[in-house]
Protein backbone atom coordinates (compact mmCIF):
# COMPACT_ATOMS: atom_id res chain seq x y z
CA MET A 1 -7.88 -31.32 32.74
CA PHE A 2 -4.74 -30.07 34.89
CA MET A 3 -3.02 -33.46 34.62
CA ALA A 4 -3.94 -33.12 30.64
CA LEU A 5 -2.41 -29.99 30.39
CA LEU A 6 0.93 -30.97 32.51
CA VAL A 7 1.32 -33.89 29.96
CA PHE A 8 1.01 -31.31 26.88
CA MET A 9 3.78 -28.87 28.32
CA ALA A 10 5.98 -31.90 29.04
CA VAL A 11 5.55 -33.31 25.47
CA SER A 12 6.06 -29.74 24.10
CA ALA A 13 9.02 -29.31 26.43
CA ASN A 14 10.07 -32.55 24.84
CA ALA A 15 9.50 -31.69 21.27
CA GLN A 16 11.16 -28.39 21.62
CA GLU A 17 14.37 -29.99 23.26
CA LYS A 18 14.56 -32.68 20.47
CA LYS A 19 14.15 -29.58 17.77
CA THR A 20 17.28 -28.00 19.68
CA GLU A 21 19.45 -30.66 19.79
CA GLN A 22 18.73 -31.32 16.07
CA GLU A 23 19.54 -27.76 15.21
CA LYS A 24 22.51 -27.66 17.20
CA SER A 25 23.67 -31.20 15.77
CA ASN A 26 22.93 -29.89 12.36
CA LYS A 27 24.60 -26.47 12.52
CA PRO A 28 27.03 -25.51 9.96
CA VAL A 29 30.83 -26.09 11.23
CA PHE A 30 32.41 -23.91 8.43
CA THR A 31 36.28 -24.19 7.42
CA VAL A 32 37.29 -21.28 5.77
CA VAL A 33 39.40 -21.86 2.00
CA LYS A 34 39.60 -18.28 1.53
CA GLU A 35 39.13 -15.08 3.24
CA ASN A 36 39.70 -11.59 1.97
CA LYS A 37 39.89 -8.21 4.11
CA ILE A 38 36.83 -6.25 4.43
CA THR A 39 35.64 -2.72 6.24
CA SER A 40 33.43 -3.28 9.19
CA VAL A 41 29.61 -4.14 9.07
CA LYS A 42 27.16 -1.35 8.86
CA ASP A 43 23.36 -1.18 9.34
CA GLN A 44 21.22 0.80 6.62
CA ASN A 45 18.39 0.23 9.11
CA ARG A 46 15.01 1.57 7.52
CA SER A 47 16.13 2.51 4.14
CA GLY A 48 16.45 0.93 0.45
CA THR A 49 20.07 1.71 0.12
CA CYS A 50 21.87 -1.51 0.00
CA TRP A 51 23.15 -0.38 -3.56
CA ASP A 52 24.85 2.18 -1.63
CA TYR A 53 25.89 0.44 1.49
CA SER A 54 26.99 -2.66 -0.70
CA THR A 55 28.82 -1.01 -2.93
CA LEU A 56 30.91 1.30 -0.95
CA SER A 57 31.87 -1.26 1.06
CA PHE A 58 33.10 -3.07 -1.77
CA PHE A 59 35.06 -0.36 -3.21
CA GLU A 60 36.16 0.24 0.68
CA ASN A 61 37.88 -3.50 0.42
CA GLU A 62 39.16 -2.46 -2.88
CA ILE A 63 41.17 0.37 -1.45
CA LEU A 64 42.49 -1.97 1.37
CA ARG A 65 43.74 -4.41 -0.85
CA ALA A 66 45.33 -1.75 -3.00
CA THR A 67 46.76 0.44 -0.61
CA GLY A 68 46.49 -1.07 2.68
CA LYS A 69 44.59 2.02 3.96
CA THR A 70 41.12 1.48 5.52
CA TYR A 71 38.24 4.14 4.95
CA ASP A 72 35.12 4.67 5.93
CA LEU A 73 33.45 6.45 3.02
CA CYS A 74 29.74 8.59 3.23
CA GLU A 75 26.75 6.64 2.38
CA SER A 76 24.70 9.97 2.52
CA PHE A 77 26.81 11.79 0.05
CA VAL A 78 26.18 9.18 -2.77
CA ALA A 79 22.66 8.89 -2.06
CA ASN A 80 22.08 12.88 -1.94
CA LYS A 81 23.67 12.92 -5.18
CA THR A 82 22.29 9.77 -6.64
CA TYR A 83 18.45 10.65 -5.79
CA MET A 84 18.85 13.96 -7.65
CA ASP A 85 20.08 12.36 -10.70
CA ARG A 86 17.52 10.13 -10.70
CA ALA A 87 14.37 12.85 -9.82
CA ALA A 88 15.90 14.65 -12.86
CA GLN A 89 15.39 11.34 -15.36
CA VAL A 90 11.63 11.28 -13.95
CA VAL A 91 11.10 14.83 -14.80
CA ARG A 92 12.31 14.43 -18.03
CA LEU A 93 10.09 11.73 -18.74
CA HIS A 94 6.95 13.02 -17.58
CA GLY A 95 6.87 10.47 -14.58
CA ASP A 96 7.05 7.63 -17.00
CA CYS A 97 9.75 5.47 -14.89
CA GLN A 98 10.10 4.83 -11.30
CA PHE A 99 11.40 6.86 -8.32
CA ALA A 100 12.51 4.77 -5.59
CA GLN A 101 14.85 4.17 -2.74
CA GLY A 102 16.95 1.51 -4.36
CA GLY A 103 19.58 1.61 -7.07
CA SER A 104 22.44 -0.29 -8.95
CA ALA A 105 26.01 -0.66 -7.90
CA TYR A 106 26.69 1.41 -10.75
CA ASP A 107 24.83 4.34 -9.26
CA ALA A 108 27.53 4.41 -6.65
CA LEU A 109 30.27 4.23 -9.20
CA TYR A 110 29.13 6.80 -11.12
CA CYS A 111 28.99 9.23 -8.24
CA LEU A 112 32.59 8.54 -7.63
CA GLN A 113 33.42 9.63 -11.22
CA GLN A 114 31.58 12.60 -11.75
CA TYR A 115 30.92 13.71 -8.11
CA GLY A 116 33.65 12.04 -5.86
CA VAL A 117 32.96 10.80 -2.26
CA CYS A 118 33.74 12.11 1.29
CA PRO A 119 34.64 10.12 4.31
CA GLN A 120 31.40 9.51 6.77
CA GLU A 121 32.90 12.45 9.27
CA ALA A 122 32.48 15.03 6.46
CA MET A 123 28.82 14.77 6.65
CA PRO A 124 26.07 14.18 9.76
CA PHE A 125 25.87 10.70 10.58
CA PRO A 126 23.13 8.35 9.00
CA GLY A 127 19.35 9.39 10.45
CA SER A 128 21.01 11.81 13.21
CA LEU A 129 19.20 14.88 11.46
CA SER A 130 16.05 13.63 11.73
CA GLY A 131 16.45 12.38 15.44
CA ASP A 132 17.18 8.68 14.96
CA SER A 133 20.56 6.60 15.43
CA LEU A 134 20.30 5.31 11.87
CA TYR A 135 18.55 6.00 8.43
CA ASN A 136 14.79 6.39 8.67
CA PHE A 137 13.58 7.11 5.10
CA ASN A 138 9.87 6.78 6.02
CA GLU A 139 9.24 10.32 6.44
CA PHE A 140 12.06 11.38 4.13
CA PHE A 141 10.33 9.39 1.24
CA SER A 142 7.03 10.39 2.36
CA LEU A 143 7.80 13.98 1.44
CA LEU A 144 10.30 13.37 -1.37
CA SER A 145 8.09 10.91 -4.03
CA PRO A 146 5.11 13.17 -4.00
CA TYR A 147 7.23 16.39 -4.27
CA VAL A 148 8.92 14.43 -7.52
CA ASP A 149 5.72 13.12 -9.02
CA ALA A 150 4.42 16.33 -8.33
CA VAL A 151 6.85 17.94 -10.86
CA ALA A 152 6.83 15.21 -13.04
CA THR A 153 3.19 14.74 -13.80
CA ASN A 154 2.10 18.75 -13.83
CA LYS A 155 0.16 20.09 -16.69
CA ALA A 156 2.72 22.99 -17.10
CA SER A 157 3.26 23.95 -20.80
CA LYS A 158 7.06 24.93 -19.44
CA ILE A 159 8.63 24.18 -15.89
CA SER A 160 11.51 26.39 -14.35
CA SER A 161 14.36 24.85 -12.61
CA GLN A 162 13.30 25.72 -8.93
CA TRP A 163 11.97 22.72 -8.32
CA LYS A 164 15.55 21.42 -7.65
CA VAL A 165 16.11 23.59 -5.33
CA GLY A 166 13.29 22.83 -3.45
CA LEU A 167 14.48 19.23 -3.63
CA GLN A 168 17.71 19.83 -2.66
CA GLY A 169 16.42 21.32 0.45
CA ILE A 170 14.54 17.92 1.18
CA LEU A 171 17.87 15.88 0.44
CA ASP A 172 19.94 18.12 2.46
CA ALA A 173 17.53 18.23 5.45
CA TYR A 174 17.51 14.30 6.07
CA LEU A 175 20.99 13.60 4.18
CA GLY A 176 22.74 16.33 5.12
CA LYS A 177 24.64 19.01 2.65
CA CYS A 178 27.08 17.79 0.48
CA PRO A 179 30.52 19.33 1.19
CA ASP A 180 32.26 21.48 -1.44
CA SER A 181 35.55 20.90 0.52
CA PHE A 182 36.14 19.13 3.97
CA THR A 183 39.45 18.49 6.01
CA TYR A 184 40.59 14.79 6.71
CA GLN A 185 43.57 13.74 8.55
CA GLY A 186 44.92 17.21 8.15
CA LYS A 187 44.57 17.93 4.79
CA THR A 188 41.92 19.61 2.56
CA TYR A 189 39.80 17.90 -0.12
CA THR A 190 37.14 18.38 -2.58
CA PRO A 191 34.88 15.45 -2.95
CA LYS A 192 36.44 15.01 -6.66
CA SER A 193 40.15 15.22 -5.13
CA PHE A 194 39.58 12.94 -2.20
CA ALA A 195 37.83 10.26 -4.70
CA ALA A 196 41.31 10.82 -6.82
CA SER A 197 43.40 10.09 -3.53
CA LEU A 198 42.15 6.74 -3.02
CA GLY A 199 44.18 5.00 -5.35
CA LEU A 200 41.90 3.49 -7.23
CA ASN A 201 40.88 3.41 -11.37
CA TRP A 202 37.35 3.71 -11.71
CA ASP A 203 37.98 2.26 -15.12
CA ASP A 204 38.83 -0.98 -13.80
CA TYR A 205 35.12 -2.22 -12.48
CA VAL A 206 32.85 -4.10 -14.80
CA THR A 207 29.29 -5.59 -14.17
CA VAL A 208 28.68 -9.69 -14.71
CA THR A 209 25.34 -11.21 -15.76
CA SER A 210 24.19 -14.43 -17.29
CA TYR A 211 20.93 -14.67 -19.38
CA THR A 212 19.77 -16.18 -22.40
CA HIS A 213 17.41 -13.39 -23.65
CA HIS A 214 20.30 -11.40 -24.73
CA PRO A 215 23.53 -13.28 -26.37
CA PHE A 216 26.24 -14.28 -24.57
CA TRP A 217 29.43 -12.59 -25.12
CA THR A 218 27.69 -9.37 -25.65
CA THR A 219 26.65 -6.60 -23.28
CA PHE A 220 23.17 -5.08 -22.19
CA ALA A 221 21.27 -3.29 -19.70
CA VAL A 222 19.75 -5.51 -16.97
CA GLU A 223 15.93 -4.92 -17.04
CA VAL A 224 15.11 -4.29 -13.99
CA GLN A 225 13.61 -0.98 -12.56
CA ASP A 226 16.74 -0.09 -10.28
CA ASN A 227 18.91 -0.42 -13.20
CA TRP A 228 17.64 3.11 -14.34
CA ARG A 229 20.90 4.27 -15.39
CA ASN A 230 21.05 1.53 -17.91
CA PRO A 231 24.85 0.63 -17.37
CA GLN A 232 25.79 -2.17 -19.59
CA SER A 233 26.56 -5.87 -18.09
CA HIS A 234 28.47 -8.49 -19.63
CA ASN A 235 26.29 -11.17 -20.39
CA ILE A 236 28.35 -14.63 -20.05
CA PRO A 237 27.42 -18.15 -19.47
CA MET A 238 26.66 -19.00 -15.87
CA GLU A 239 29.55 -21.26 -15.46
CA ASP A 240 31.78 -18.72 -16.38
CA MET A 241 29.76 -15.95 -14.26
CA MET A 242 30.32 -18.72 -11.34
CA ARG A 243 34.08 -18.93 -12.39
CA ILE A 244 34.89 -15.27 -12.06
CA ILE A 245 33.53 -14.97 -8.57
CA ASP A 246 35.73 -18.10 -7.56
CA ASN A 247 38.81 -16.67 -9.24
CA ALA A 248 37.99 -13.03 -7.75
CA ILE A 249 37.97 -14.43 -3.92
CA MET A 250 40.87 -16.62 -4.68
CA GLN A 251 43.40 -13.70 -6.38
CA GLY A 252 42.26 -11.44 -3.08
CA TYR A 253 39.49 -9.44 -4.65
CA THR A 254 35.86 -9.03 -3.36
CA VAL A 255 32.88 -8.91 -5.21
CA ALA A 256 29.57 -6.55 -5.26
CA TRP A 257 26.63 -8.92 -5.72
CA GLY A 258 22.94 -8.09 -6.46
CA GLY A 259 20.63 -10.58 -6.52
CA ASP A 260 17.53 -12.07 -4.88
CA VAL A 261 17.12 -12.69 -1.06
CA SER A 262 13.51 -13.42 -0.69
CA GLU A 263 13.60 -17.12 -1.58
CA GLU A 264 12.74 -19.48 1.28
CA GLY A 265 16.07 -20.83 1.04
CA PHE A 266 17.34 -17.52 2.53
CA SER A 267 17.60 -17.48 6.10
CA ARG A 268 17.64 -14.26 8.53
CA LYS A 269 19.96 -16.56 10.64
CA GLY A 270 22.93 -16.35 8.59
CA LEU A 271 22.74 -19.00 5.79
CA ALA A 272 21.25 -19.15 2.21
CA TYR A 273 20.65 -22.73 0.60
CA ASN A 274 18.90 -23.20 -3.11
CA ILE A 275 16.02 -24.98 -2.16
CA SER A 276 12.93 -25.48 -4.15
CA THR A 277 9.36 -26.37 -3.14
CA LYS A 278 8.56 -27.38 -6.74
CA ASN A 279 11.49 -29.84 -7.85
CA SER A 280 13.01 -31.19 -4.47
CA GLN A 281 12.48 -33.90 -2.42
CA SER A 282 11.14 -33.66 1.06
CA LEU A 283 13.36 -31.87 3.47
CA THR A 284 12.22 -34.76 6.25
CA GLY A 285 12.27 -37.61 4.15
CA SER A 286 8.40 -37.56 4.06
CA ASP A 287 6.37 -36.70 0.63
CA MET A 288 6.14 -33.59 -0.75
CA ALA A 289 2.74 -32.84 -0.04
CA ARG A 290 3.62 -32.62 3.60
CA TRP A 291 6.18 -30.00 2.77
CA LEU A 292 4.12 -27.75 0.92
CA LYS A 293 1.03 -27.91 3.30
CA LEU A 294 3.29 -26.33 5.90
CA SER A 295 3.52 -22.58 6.44
CA LYS A 296 6.13 -20.33 5.20
CA THR A 297 7.50 -20.04 8.88
CA GLY A 298 7.02 -24.01 9.14
CA ARG A 299 9.24 -24.76 6.30
CA MET A 300 11.99 -21.96 7.48
CA ASN A 301 12.13 -23.60 11.16
CA MET A 302 12.39 -26.92 9.10
CA LEU A 303 15.38 -25.34 7.12
CA ASP A 304 16.45 -24.11 10.35
CA SER A 305 16.60 -27.55 12.14
CA LEU A 306 17.97 -29.57 9.28
CA GLY A 307 20.97 -26.38 8.94
CA CYS A 308 23.90 -28.18 6.78
CA ASN A 309 21.63 -31.07 6.05
CA VAL A 310 19.53 -29.25 3.70
CA PRO A 311 19.25 -30.86 0.01
CA GLU A 312 19.47 -28.38 -2.70
CA VAL A 313 18.69 -28.03 -6.37
CA ALA A 314 20.88 -27.62 -8.74
CA PRO A 315 20.79 -24.67 -10.72
CA THR A 316 20.53 -24.60 -14.36
CA GLN A 317 20.71 -21.89 -17.29
CA GLN A 318 17.29 -22.29 -18.49
CA GLN A 319 15.95 -22.26 -14.86
CA ARG A 320 17.74 -19.16 -14.37
CA GLN A 321 16.34 -17.28 -17.75
CA GLU A 322 12.66 -18.63 -16.45
CA ARG A 323 12.64 -17.55 -13.11
CA PHE A 324 13.96 -14.06 -14.18
CA ASP A 325 10.68 -14.08 -17.36
CA ASN A 326 7.98 -15.09 -14.92
CA TRP A 327 9.28 -12.31 -11.84
CA GLU A 328 10.59 -15.32 -9.76
CA LEU A 329 14.17 -13.76 -9.50
CA THR A 330 14.12 -10.31 -8.43
CA ASP A 331 16.34 -7.51 -7.82
CA ASP A 332 16.01 -7.49 -3.85
CA HIS A 333 19.23 -6.64 -2.26
CA GLY A 334 22.95 -5.61 -2.71
CA MET A 335 26.06 -7.57 -0.47
CA VAL A 336 29.37 -7.96 -0.78
CA ILE A 337 30.96 -11.43 -1.57
CA PHE A 338 34.44 -11.60 0.16
CA GLY A 339 34.95 -15.45 0.88
CA ILE A 340 35.18 -19.18 0.49
CA ALA A 341 34.01 -21.68 3.00
CA LYS A 342 33.21 -25.26 3.70
CA ASP A 343 30.94 -27.16 5.87
CA GLN A 344 31.46 -30.47 7.68
CA ASN A 345 29.67 -31.98 4.62
CA GLY A 346 32.15 -30.70 2.50
CA ARG A 347 29.18 -27.92 1.02
CA GLU A 348 30.81 -24.71 -0.53
CA TYR A 349 29.71 -21.37 0.53
CA TYR A 350 30.45 -17.70 -0.05
CA MET A 351 31.17 -15.52 2.93
CA VAL A 352 29.20 -12.73 2.29
CA LYS A 353 29.12 -9.10 4.08
CA ASN A 354 25.48 -7.62 4.48
CA SER A 355 24.27 -4.06 5.79
CA TRP A 356 21.49 -4.97 8.40
CA GLY A 357 24.10 -4.58 11.34
CA GLU A 358 25.60 -7.43 13.01
CA THR A 359 22.32 -9.48 12.84
CA GLY A 360 22.29 -13.25 12.40
CA ASP A 361 24.23 -16.15 14.07
CA TYR A 362 27.39 -14.59 12.23
CA LYS A 363 27.13 -10.94 13.18
CA GLY A 364 26.41 -9.60 10.22
CA ILE A 365 28.00 -12.31 7.68
CA TRP A 366 25.84 -14.69 5.51
CA TYR A 367 27.11 -18.12 4.26
CA MET A 368 25.50 -18.39 0.98
CA THR A 369 25.97 -21.63 -1.24
CA LYS A 370 27.65 -21.11 -4.55
CA LYS A 371 24.40 -23.01 -5.54
CA TYR A 372 22.23 -20.32 -4.17
CA ILE A 373 24.48 -17.76 -5.91
CA ALA A 374 24.33 -19.26 -9.19
CA ALA A 375 20.91 -19.44 -8.75
CA ASN A 376 19.85 -16.09 -7.66
CA THR A 377 22.46 -13.80 -8.86
CA MET A 378 20.70 -10.94 -10.84
CA ASP A 379 24.34 -9.18 -11.54
CA TYR A 380 27.38 -8.31 -9.82
CA MET A 381 30.69 -5.71 -10.26
CA VAL A 382 33.84 -6.67 -10.23
CA ASN A 383 37.34 -5.43 -10.59
CA LYS A 384 38.09 -6.69 -14.58
CA ASN A 385 42.01 -7.71 -13.18
CA ALA A 386 40.46 -10.23 -11.02
CA ILE A 387 38.80 -12.33 -14.38
CA PRO A 388 40.58 -14.92 -15.50
CA LYS A 389 42.59 -13.82 -18.81
CA ASP A 390 40.50 -16.10 -21.37
CA LEU A 391 37.29 -14.79 -20.36
CA ARG A 392 38.78 -11.56 -20.17
CA LYS A 393 39.69 -12.03 -24.02
CA LYS A 394 36.04 -13.25 -24.58
CA MET A 395 34.58 -10.35 -23.12
CA GLY A 396 36.76 -7.59 -24.90
CA LEU A 397 38.53 -6.49 -21.77
C-alpha cells in the first residue's frame, strides 16, 4: 500500500507538472495595439456597485482625456443619491418593481447631471463607517431593503414623507452624508459646481445596444431590472455596435461596458473567451461528451490550461437575441474598455478595467476577446464624438 501511494503521488506530481507546463506554454503573450490612459483600479468589494465604480471610472478617464487632470470621484455620493431615488420609485409603485444594489451606467450620469458629485476625500472612505476597509453591504442592505419594502407595501391609505428622513439616516450611516459644500485643492465647491468644473459636457454621452426585438436605428429602454430609470439606448446591428467600440478606442476614448460575466469562458484569472459547450468542438480534441461530463471546475481548469489556444464561437445577431430572450445573456457586471491587444496567435482582445481590486494575473485588468464582447454585451455608454460620422448620422446624433 505504501509503494502504491508513492506511485500515485509520483504520477499525480507528473500530471500536475505537465499541466503547469501546458498552462505556461499556452499563456497569452499580449502585444498592445492601442492603450488609452485610465485612472487607478479600485475595489467594490462586497457590494453590488459595479455600475457606480465602472461609470465613474469611465468619467474619470474622460476627464483625463479631455483635460489631462486626474480625479478620484466619490462612489458613495452617487450610491447615496441613487438608492434614495430608487426607493422613491419603489414606493410610488407600491412595491411593484425591484429595489436592489445594482444599477446602470445611466444612474451615475443622472446623478452627475442632477446632483453633481464630490471627490472621494470629501466623504468617508468606503466601508470605514461600519468598521470595514472596503464596502460591505451585507448588514447595510439587510436593513435598507426591508425598510423600503415595509414602506412600499404598507396598507395605509396615506403615507407621510417621514419615511425618507428615516431612509436617509440609514444611507448616511453606512455611506456617509453627502456634503452641501466642500473644499478641494484650496477652492470651495458645491457638488453641482464641482461637477461643472470637470470639463465635460454631460449631453455628449449615449448608450448603445443591439437586439432585434426592437427596430434597428431606433431607441428603446433595455428590459433588465437594474435599468430602472428606463433610459433610451440606440439599437444598432451587432457589427456596428462593435465598430463603435473599435473606433472609440483607436480615437483615444474609453467605453463604459455592461454585460454578462457569468459565462464559462470568463476566467477569474483575467481572460474571457466566447466558448460554447453546446456548439463548439471539444477543447481537447476528444468528443464533446467528454467535455460536457466534466464539472464546471474541470471545464474552467481545462480553459486555463488551453489559454490562448481555446477555440471560440463566432457570435451572431440571432444568437444574441435568443440568449437575451431565454435569460442566458444576463446583466451581470459593469467594466471599462480602454484598449486593444493581440496575443501570439493574432487573436484580438479588449483591455478591460475591472473593479475587483488588483486581482487575477493582470492586476485588475481583463483581456476579453472581441467575440466575447460581441456575444455578451448588454449595452455600453460612450461619448457620441467617438462614434464614426456615418453611424452618428444614422443614429440621429
